[in-house]
Amino acid sequence: MKINRLCTGLVAFGMVAALSVPAAIAKSQSASDPQTATKEAGMRDRFQTTVESLNLTDDQKPKVDSIFADAKTQRKAIFSDTTLTDDQKKTKMKELHQSTMTKLNGVLTPDQQTELKTKMATAREKSAPQQ
């Protein structure tokens, strides 16, 4: 009788442990996602603010806004595509960044392009880990 109760207790404990592990893993993964998402959103906002600080003309402003809106839509589609691996998402995000930069360079003047490159390089230097 005592052995039966002990076995039942162990089985119950094992089931609870087995069910709680996936929940703990999911919780730890979702806990890091908001931090990553917040950091990426901050970078996007700073980039957009940087582009908008280039003294855009009234003709350029709606074009730039459209480029950023399109990039945002594509970015959401990439991150919500559950068929892609993390590496595939990373590759697609790099492609999206390159495409967005190409579109922006088509709207910006050569002086604005140079200023943007300079500001981006400065921002990269500031965010690089100090040694």
C-alpha atoms as a PDB file:
ATOM      1  CA  MET A   1       0.000   0.000   0.000  1.00  0.00           C
ATOM      2  CA  LYS A   2       2.779   2.377   0.957  1.00  0.00           C
ATOM      3  CA  ILE A   3       4.720   1.547  -2.224  1.00  0.00           C
ATOM      4  CA  ASN A   4       1.614   2.108  -4.349  1.00  0.00           C
ATOM      5  CA  ARG A   5       1.095   5.552  -2.803  1.00  0.00           C
ATOM      6  CA  LEU A   6       4.758   6.376  -3.258  1.00  0.00           C
ATOM      7  CA  CYS A   7       4.630   5.351  -6.947  1.00  0.00           C
ATOM      8  CA  THR A   8       1.480   7.379  -7.482  1.00  0.00           C
ATOM      9  CA  GLY A   9       3.173  10.397  -5.894  1.00  0.00           C
ATOM     10  CA  LEU A  10       6.252   9.996  -8.065  1.00  0.00           C
ATOM     11  CA  VAL A  11       4.167   9.658 -11.226  1.00  0.00           C
ATOM     12  CA  ALA A  12       2.169  12.764 -10.308  1.00  0.00           C
ATOM     13  CA  PHE A  13       5.373  14.675  -9.572  1.00  0.00           C
ATOM     14  CA  GLY A  14       6.875  13.548 -12.887  1.00  0.00           C
ATOM     15  CA  MET A  15       3.813  14.678 -14.798  1.00  0.00           C
ATOM     16  CA  VAL A  16       3.822  18.092 -13.146  1.00  0.00           C
ATOM     17  CA  ALA A  17       7.543  18.485 -13.865  1.00  0.00           C
ATOM     18  CA  ALA A  18       7.133  17.375 -17.483  1.00  0.00           C
ATOM     19  CA  LEU A  19       4.285  19.828 -18.031  1.00  0.00           C
ATOM     20  CA  SER A  20       6.041  22.735 -16.374  1.00  0.00           C
ATOM     21  CA  VAL A  21       9.285  22.527 -18.390  1.00  0.00           C
ATOM     22  CA  PRO A  22       7.764  23.692 -21.732  1.00  0.00           C
ATOM     23  CA  ALA A  23       5.946  26.484 -19.908  1.00  0.00           C
ATOM     24  CA  ALA A  24       9.189  27.614 -18.257  1.00  0.00           C
ATOM     25  CA  ILE A  25      11.036  27.542 -21.581  1.00  0.00           C
ATOM     26  CA  ALA A  26       8.293  29.522 -23.313  1.00  0.00           C
ATOM     27  CA  LYS A  27       8.284  32.064 -20.498  1.00  0.00           C
ATOM     28  CA  SER A  28      12.057  32.543 -20.640  1.00  0.00           C
ATOM     29  CA  GLN A  29      11.956  32.959 -24.440  1.00  0.00           C
ATOM     30  CA  SER A  30       9.137  35.471 -24.312  1.00  0.00           C
ATOM     31  CA  ALA A  31      10.899  37.365 -21.539  1.00  0.00           C
ATOM     32  CA  SER A  32      13.898  38.054 -23.784  1.00  0.00           C
ATOM     33  CA  ASP A  33      11.807  38.936 -26.837  1.00  0.00           C
ATOM     34  CA  PRO A  34      10.458  42.260 -25.464  1.00  0.00           C
ATOM     35  CA  GLN A  35      13.996  43.397 -24.681  1.00  0.00           C
ATOM     36  CA  THR A  36      15.166  42.534 -28.182  1.00  0.00           C
ATOM     37  CA  ALA A  37      12.063  44.047 -29.740  1.00  0.00           C
ATOM     38  CA  THR A  38      12.487  47.235 -27.711  1.00  0.00           C
ATOM     39  CA  LYS A  39      16.135  47.545 -28.709  1.00  0.00           C
ATOM     40  CA  GLU A  40      15.323  46.977 -32.395  1.00  0.00           C
ATOM     41  CA  ALA A  41      12.422  49.424 -32.263  1.00  0.00           C
ATOM     42  CA  GLY A  42      14.736  51.998 -30.719  1.00  0.00           C
ATOM     43  CA  MET A  43      17.285  51.508 -33.483  1.00  0.00           C
ATOM     44  CA  ARG A  44      14.569  51.842 -36.153  1.00  0.00           C
ATOM     45  CA  ASP A  45      13.211  54.984 -34.530  1.00  0.00           C
ATOM     46  CA  ARG A  46      16.701  56.536 -34.315  1.00  0.00           C
ATOM     47  CA  PHE A  47      17.372  55.631 -37.959  1.00  0.00           C
ATOM     48  CA  GLN A  48      14.076  57.143 -39.091  1.00  0.00           C
ATOM     49  CA  THR A  49      14.743  60.250 -36.998  1.00  0.00           C
ATOM     50  CA  THR A  50      18.215  60.501 -38.526  1.00  0.00           C
ATOM     51  CA  VAL A  51      16.820  60.320 -42.051  1.00  0.00           C
ATOM     52  CA  GLU A  52      14.175  62.904 -41.229  1.00  0.00           C
ATOM     53  CA  SER A  53      16.878  65.237 -39.843  1.00  0.00           C
ATOM     54  CA  LEU A  54      18.431  65.555 -43.315  1.00  0.00           C
ATOM     55  CA  ASN A  55      16.392  68.667 -44.171  1.00  0.00           C
ATOM     56  CA  LEU A  56      14.059  66.763 -46.461  1.00  0.00           C
ATOM     57  CA  THR A  57      12.126  68.757 -49.023  1.00  0.00           C
ATOM     58  CA  ASP A  58       8.332  68.745 -49.078  1.00  0.00           C
ATOM     59  CA  ASP A  59       8.575  66.423 -52.086  1.00  0.00           C
ATOM     60  CA  GLN A  60      10.898  63.979 -50.281  1.00  0.00           C
ATOM     61  CA  LYS A  61       8.944  63.696 -46.999  1.00  0.00           C
ATOM     62  CA  PRO A  62       5.977  61.636 -48.292  1.00  0.00           C
ATOM     63  CA  LYS A  63       8.324  59.420 -50.318  1.00  0.00           C
ATOM     64  CA  VAL A  64      10.483  58.692 -47.256  1.00  0.00           C
ATOM     65  CA  ASP A  65       7.386  58.081 -45.125  1.00  0.00           C
ATOM     66  CA  SER A  66       6.140  55.609 -47.732  1.00  0.00           C
ATOM     67  CA  ILE A  67       9.478  53.799 -47.784  1.00  0.00           C
ATOM     68  CA  PHE A  68       9.450  53.430 -43.984  1.00  0.00           C
ATOM     69  CA  ALA A  69       5.801  52.326 -43.945  1.00  0.00           C
ATOM     70  CA  ASP A  70       6.526  49.674 -46.568  1.00  0.00           C
ATOM     71  CA  ALA A  71       9.587  48.472 -44.645  1.00  0.00           C
ATOM     72  CA  LYS A  72       7.521  48.228 -41.458  1.00  0.00           C
ATOM     73  CA  THR A  73       4.906  46.090 -43.221  1.00  0.00           C
ATOM     74  CA  GLN A  74       7.564  43.803 -44.669  1.00  0.00           C
ATOM     75  CA  ARG A  75       9.354  43.554 -41.309  1.00  0.00           C
ATOM     76  CA  LYS A  76       6.140  42.470 -39.584  1.00  0.00           C
ATOM     77  CA  ALA A  77       5.537  39.873 -42.298  1.00  0.00           C
ATOM     78  CA  ILE A  78       9.034  38.465 -41.856  1.00  0.00           C
ATOM     79  CA  PHE A  79       8.758  38.172 -38.073  1.00  0.00           C
ATOM     80  CA  SER A  80       5.281  36.663 -38.184  1.00  0.00           C
ATOM     81  CA  ASP A  81       6.244  34.031 -40.780  1.00  0.00           C
ATOM     82  CA  THR A  82       6.473  30.864 -38.689  1.00  0.00           C
ATOM     83  CA  THR A  83       7.857  28.850 -41.613  1.00  0.00           C
ATOM     84  CA  LEU A  84      11.174  30.744 -41.477  1.00  0.00           C
ATOM     85  CA  THR A  85      14.074  29.819 -39.230  1.00  0.00           C
ATOM     86  CA  ASP A  86      15.850  32.520 -37.235  1.00  0.00           C
ATOM     87  CA  ASP A  87      18.716  32.496 -39.731  1.00  0.00           C
ATOM     88  CA  GLN A  88      16.299  32.887 -42.648  1.00  0.00           C
ATOM     89  CA  LYS A  89      14.601  35.792 -40.849  1.00  0.00           C
ATOM     90  CA  LYS A  90      17.987  37.396 -40.251  1.00  0.00           C
ATOM     91  CA  THR A  91      18.860  37.037 -43.948  1.00  0.00           C
ATOM     92  CA  LYS A  92      15.520  38.479 -45.033  1.00  0.00           C
ATOM     93  CA  MET A  93      15.956  41.398 -42.627  1.00  0.00           C
ATOM     94  CA  LYS A  94      19.375  42.165 -44.137  1.00  0.00           C
ATOM     95  CA  GLU A  95      17.810  42.064 -47.603  1.00  0.00           C
ATOM     96  CA  LEU A  96      15.030  44.378 -46.416  1.00  0.00           C
ATOM     97  CA  HIS A  97      17.584  46.797 -44.967  1.00  0.00           C
ATOM     98  CA  GLN A  98      19.548  46.851 -48.233  1.00  0.00           C
ATOM     99  CA  SER A  99      16.356  47.364 -50.228  1.00  0.00           C
ATOM    100  CA  THR A 100      15.245  50.183 -47.933  1.00  0.00           C
ATOM    101  CA  MET A 101      18.633  51.886 -48.221  1.00  0.00           C
ATOM    102  CA  THR A 102      18.508  51.602 -52.024  1.00  0.00           C
ATOM    103  CA  LYS A 103      15.030  53.165 -52.078  1.00  0.00           C
ATOM    104  CA  LEU A 104      16.128  55.946 -49.707  1.00  0.00           C
ATOM    105  CA  ASN A 105      19.191  56.693 -51.806  1.00  0.00           C
ATOM    106  CA  GLY A 106      16.870  57.057 -54.808  1.00  0.00           C
ATOM    107  CA  VAL A 107      15.019  59.834 -52.965  1.00  0.00           C
ATOM    108  CA  LEU A 108      17.909  61.577 -51.191  1.00  0.00           C
ATOM    109  CA  THR A 109      20.296  64.002 -52.841  1.00  0.00           C
ATOM    110  CA  PRO A 110      24.010  63.058 -52.993  1.00  0.00           C
ATOM    111  CA  ASP A 111      24.721  65.498 -50.125  1.00  0.00           C
ATOM    112  CA  GLN A 112      21.955  63.956 -48.007  1.00  0.00           C
ATOM    113  CA  GLN A 113      23.278  60.463 -48.778  1.00  0.00           C
ATOM    114  CA  THR A 114      26.762  61.478 -47.622  1.00  0.00           C
ATOM    115  CA  GLU A 115      25.365  63.072 -44.466  1.00  0.00           C
ATOM    116  CA  LEU A 116      23.308  59.935 -43.718  1.00  0.00           C
ATOM    117  CA  LYS A 117      26.355  57.682 -44.151  1.00  0.00           C
ATOM    118  CA  THR A 118      28.360  59.912 -41.816  1.00  0.00           C
ATOM    119  CA  LYS A 119      25.625  59.911 -39.164  1.00  0.00           C
ATOM    120  CA  MET A 120      25.208  56.134 -39.426  1.00  0.00           C
ATOM    121  CA  ALA A 121      28.966  55.585 -39.043  1.00  0.00           C
ATOM    122  CA  THR A 122      29.015  57.847 -35.989  1.00  0.00           C
ATOM    123  CA  ALA A 123      26.082  55.975 -34.470  1.00  0.00           C
ATOM    124  CA  ARG A 124      27.814  52.621 -35.105  1.00  0.00           C
ATOM    125  CA  GLU A 125      30.966  53.872 -33.374  1.00  0.00           C
ATOM    126  CA  LYS A 126      28.977  55.011 -30.344  1.00  0.00           C
ATOM    127  CA  SER A 127      27.131  51.708 -30.048  1.00  0.00           C
ATOM    128  CA  ALA A 128      30.230  49.543 -30.555  1.00  0.00           C
ATOM    129  CA  PRO A 129      31.411  47.790 -27.390  1.00  0.00           C
ATOM    130  CA  GLN A 130      34.281  49.622 -25.731  1.00  0.00           C
ATOM    131  CA  GLN A 131      37.490  47.628 -25.306  1.00  0.00           C
END
